[in-house]
Amino acid sequence: MTSLFNEYGSGVHVNENIATSASSSTCGLGAFSDYDQYVESTSSHEERSELELYLAEPAKRLNENLNILDFWSKSAARYPQLARMARDILAVPVSSVASESAFSLSKKVITPNRNSLKPKTVEALMSLQDWYRCKLQKKEDNKRKAEVVALDNDEDSSSDEE
């Protein structure tokens, strides 16, 4: 996971303890200089990566309502690099059915007699095949709708006669 995290970003480090203090030059008072020195001496300046900060947090309890994409969307301000990783990784389809379907269709297009077709030609043939299939499906759907309407009209006319 660390290597993937390192590949993803420039290794942006975040200051673990961010303390805001009023500077004596901004308010014109020297009273805050002692406080500034105290904050400097007590705060840890150890820089940690987003991944280290995230892993150091207590684990969240799993429940049925947990939406992982929503969680990372909300956490993007705090962990921008990890949120980007999660968005990219979680976008990968869980099933390989779509890719298997595409390969099985291409096997039908690229037969031993047509194995010298250029990739653009194969893509065009597969697109045409898909468009044709969609057109046939629409015709079939329209035919079914017409049948349903005809049946409804028949039922309406028979109920009017009674």
Protein backbone atom coordinates (compact mmCIF):
# COMPACT_ATOMS: atom_id res chain seq x y z
CA MET A 1 0.00 0.00 0.00
CA THR A 2 2.87 2.33 0.77
CA SER A 3 4.41 1.80 -2.65
CA LEU A 4 1.08 2.54 -4.35
CA PHE A 5 0.71 5.66 -2.21
CA ASN A 6 4.21 6.78 -3.17
CA GLU A 7 3.48 6.17 -6.85
CA TYR A 8 0.32 8.23 -6.62
CA GLY A 9 1.73 11.41 -5.29
CA SER A 10 4.70 13.54 -4.76
CA GLY A 11 4.93 12.37 -1.17
CA VAL A 12 3.28 15.48 0.21
CA HIS A 13 3.85 15.61 3.92
CA VAL A 14 1.45 17.13 6.40
CA ASN A 15 2.44 18.76 9.65
CA GLU A 16 1.04 16.50 12.37
CA ASN A 17 0.30 19.29 14.85
CA ILE A 18 -0.90 22.50 13.34
CA ALA A 19 -0.97 25.28 15.90
CA THR A 20 -2.14 28.76 15.13
CA SER A 21 -0.89 31.54 17.30
CA ALA A 22 -1.03 35.28 17.20
CA SER A 23 2.32 36.73 16.37
CA SER A 24 3.59 39.73 18.29
CA SER A 25 4.28 41.58 15.05
CA THR A 26 0.68 41.26 13.84
CA CYS A 27 -1.00 42.48 16.99
CA GLY A 28 1.72 44.84 18.13
CA LEU A 29 1.89 43.23 21.57
CA GLY A 30 4.92 41.45 22.93
CA ALA A 31 2.78 39.50 25.43
CA PHE A 32 2.29 36.60 23.04
CA SER A 33 5.99 35.95 22.40
CA ASP A 34 6.26 33.75 25.50
CA TYR A 35 3.25 31.76 24.32
CA ASP A 36 4.77 31.43 20.85
CA GLN A 37 7.98 30.06 22.38
CA TYR A 38 5.97 27.60 24.47
CA VAL A 39 4.06 26.36 21.42
CA GLU A 40 7.33 25.98 19.48
CA SER A 41 8.92 23.97 22.29
CA THR A 42 5.97 21.66 22.95
CA SER A 43 4.60 21.01 19.49
CA SER A 44 5.96 18.16 17.49
CA HIS A 45 7.29 19.16 14.08
CA GLU A 46 7.44 15.59 12.89
CA GLU A 47 5.98 15.46 9.42
CA ARG A 48 4.03 12.39 8.42
CA SER A 49 2.47 11.38 5.16
CA GLU A 50 -1.28 11.25 4.66
CA LEU A 51 -1.07 7.48 4.72
CA GLU A 52 0.72 7.45 8.08
CA LEU A 53 -1.79 9.91 9.54
CA TYR A 54 -4.73 7.88 8.23
CA LEU A 55 -3.33 4.59 9.53
CA ALA A 56 -2.66 6.18 12.94
CA GLU A 57 -6.36 7.02 13.35
CA PRO A 58 -8.56 4.61 15.30
CA ALA A 59 -10.34 2.11 13.07
CA LYS A 60 -13.93 2.88 12.14
CA ARG A 61 -16.62 0.36 13.02
CA LEU A 62 -18.27 -1.27 10.04
CA ASN A 63 -22.02 -1.02 9.73
CA GLU A 64 -24.66 -1.52 7.09
CA ASN A 65 -24.95 2.20 6.39
CA LEU A 66 -21.27 2.71 5.58
CA ASN A 67 -20.88 4.16 2.09
CA ILE A 68 -17.18 3.96 1.30
CA LEU A 69 -17.37 6.38 -1.64
CA ASP A 70 -19.19 8.92 0.52
CA PHE A 71 -16.59 8.46 3.28
CA TRP A 72 -13.71 9.24 0.92
CA SER A 73 -15.61 12.13 -0.63
CA LYS A 74 -15.96 13.69 2.83
CA SER A 75 -12.34 12.85 3.74
CA ALA A 76 -10.90 14.42 0.57
CA ALA A 77 -10.08 17.70 2.32
CA ARG A 78 -8.04 15.94 4.99
CA TYR A 79 -6.54 13.19 2.81
CA PRO A 80 -6.59 14.43 -0.80
CA GLN A 81 -4.07 11.91 -2.11
CA LEU A 82 -5.73 8.93 -0.40
CA ALA A 83 -9.17 10.11 -1.55
CA ARG A 84 -7.91 10.26 -5.14
CA MET A 85 -6.48 6.74 -4.80
CA ALA A 86 -9.76 5.45 -3.37
CA ARG A 87 -11.77 7.09 -6.15
CA ASP A 88 -9.57 5.50 -8.82
CA ILE A 89 -9.39 2.05 -7.24
CA LEU A 90 -13.04 1.83 -6.23
CA ALA A 91 -14.09 2.81 -9.76
CA VAL A 92 -12.76 -0.52 -11.09
CA PRO A 93 -15.71 -2.80 -11.87
CA VAL A 94 -16.11 -5.71 -9.50
CA SER A 95 -17.14 -8.05 -12.28
CA SER A 96 -15.20 -9.04 -15.35
CA VAL A 97 -18.37 -9.90 -17.28
CA ALA A 98 -18.23 -6.75 -19.45
CA SER A 99 -14.65 -7.38 -20.53
CA GLU A 100 -15.32 -11.08 -21.13
CA SER A 101 -18.31 -10.15 -23.27
CA ALA A 102 -16.21 -7.75 -25.34
CA PHE A 103 -13.55 -10.40 -25.94
CA SER A 104 -16.08 -13.05 -26.90
CA LEU A 105 -17.63 -10.63 -29.42
CA SER A 106 -14.24 -9.80 -30.88
CA LYS A 107 -13.55 -13.52 -31.32
CA LYS A 108 -16.61 -13.67 -33.56
CA VAL A 109 -15.40 -10.66 -35.57
CA ILE A 110 -11.77 -11.73 -35.90
CA THR A 111 -12.02 -15.15 -37.46
CA PRO A 112 -8.96 -16.97 -38.84
CA ASN A 113 -9.89 -15.62 -42.29
CA ARG A 114 -10.05 -12.04 -41.00
CA ASN A 115 -7.09 -11.96 -38.64
CA SER A 116 -5.30 -9.26 -40.65
CA LEU A 117 -7.95 -6.60 -39.97
CA LYS A 118 -6.65 -3.35 -38.53
CA PRO A 119 -7.74 -2.42 -34.99
CA LYS A 120 -9.83 0.53 -36.23
CA THR A 121 -11.71 -1.79 -38.61
CA VAL A 122 -12.39 -4.29 -35.82
CA GLU A 123 -13.61 -1.47 -33.58
CA ALA A 124 -15.91 -0.21 -36.35
CA LEU A 125 -17.30 -3.71 -36.96
CA MET A 126 -17.97 -4.25 -33.26
CA SER A 127 -19.66 -0.84 -32.99
CA LEU A 128 -21.84 -1.57 -36.01
CA GLN A 129 -22.77 -4.93 -34.55
CA ASP A 130 -23.71 -3.29 -31.25
CA TRP A 131 -25.76 -0.56 -32.97
CA TYR A 132 -27.54 -3.15 -35.09
CA ARG A 133 -28.33 -5.22 -32.01
CA CYS A 134 -29.72 -2.13 -30.26
CA LYS A 135 -31.86 -1.31 -33.30
CA LEU A 136 -33.26 -4.84 -33.33
CA GLN A 137 -33.93 -4.61 -29.59
CA LYS A 138 -35.83 -1.34 -30.07
CA LYS A 139 -37.93 -2.91 -32.83
CA GLU A 140 -38.67 -5.87 -30.56
CA ASP A 141 -39.59 -3.54 -27.69
CA ASN A 142 -41.89 -1.48 -29.92
CA LYS A 143 -43.55 -4.68 -31.16
CA ARG A 144 -44.16 -5.82 -27.56
CA LYS A 145 -45.54 -2.40 -26.62
CA ALA A 146 -47.93 -2.53 -29.58
CA GLU A 147 -49.08 -5.99 -28.50
CA VAL A 148 -49.69 -4.79 -24.93
CA VAL A 149 -51.63 -1.76 -26.18
CA ALA A 150 -53.71 -4.02 -28.45
CA LEU A 151 -54.45 -6.36 -25.54
CA ASP A 152 -55.40 -3.41 -23.33
CA ASN A 153 -57.73 -2.11 -26.05
CA ASP A 154 -59.30 -5.55 -26.43
CA GLU A 155 -59.85 -5.79 -22.67
CA ASP A 156 -61.30 -2.28 -22.55
CA SER A 157 -63.70 -2.97 -25.41
CA SER A 158 -64.80 -6.31 -23.92
CA SER A 159 -65.42 -4.71 -20.51
CA ASP A 160 -67.45 -1.93 -22.17
CA GLU A 161 -69.69 -4.53 -23.82
CA GLU A 162 -70.51 -6.14 -20.48
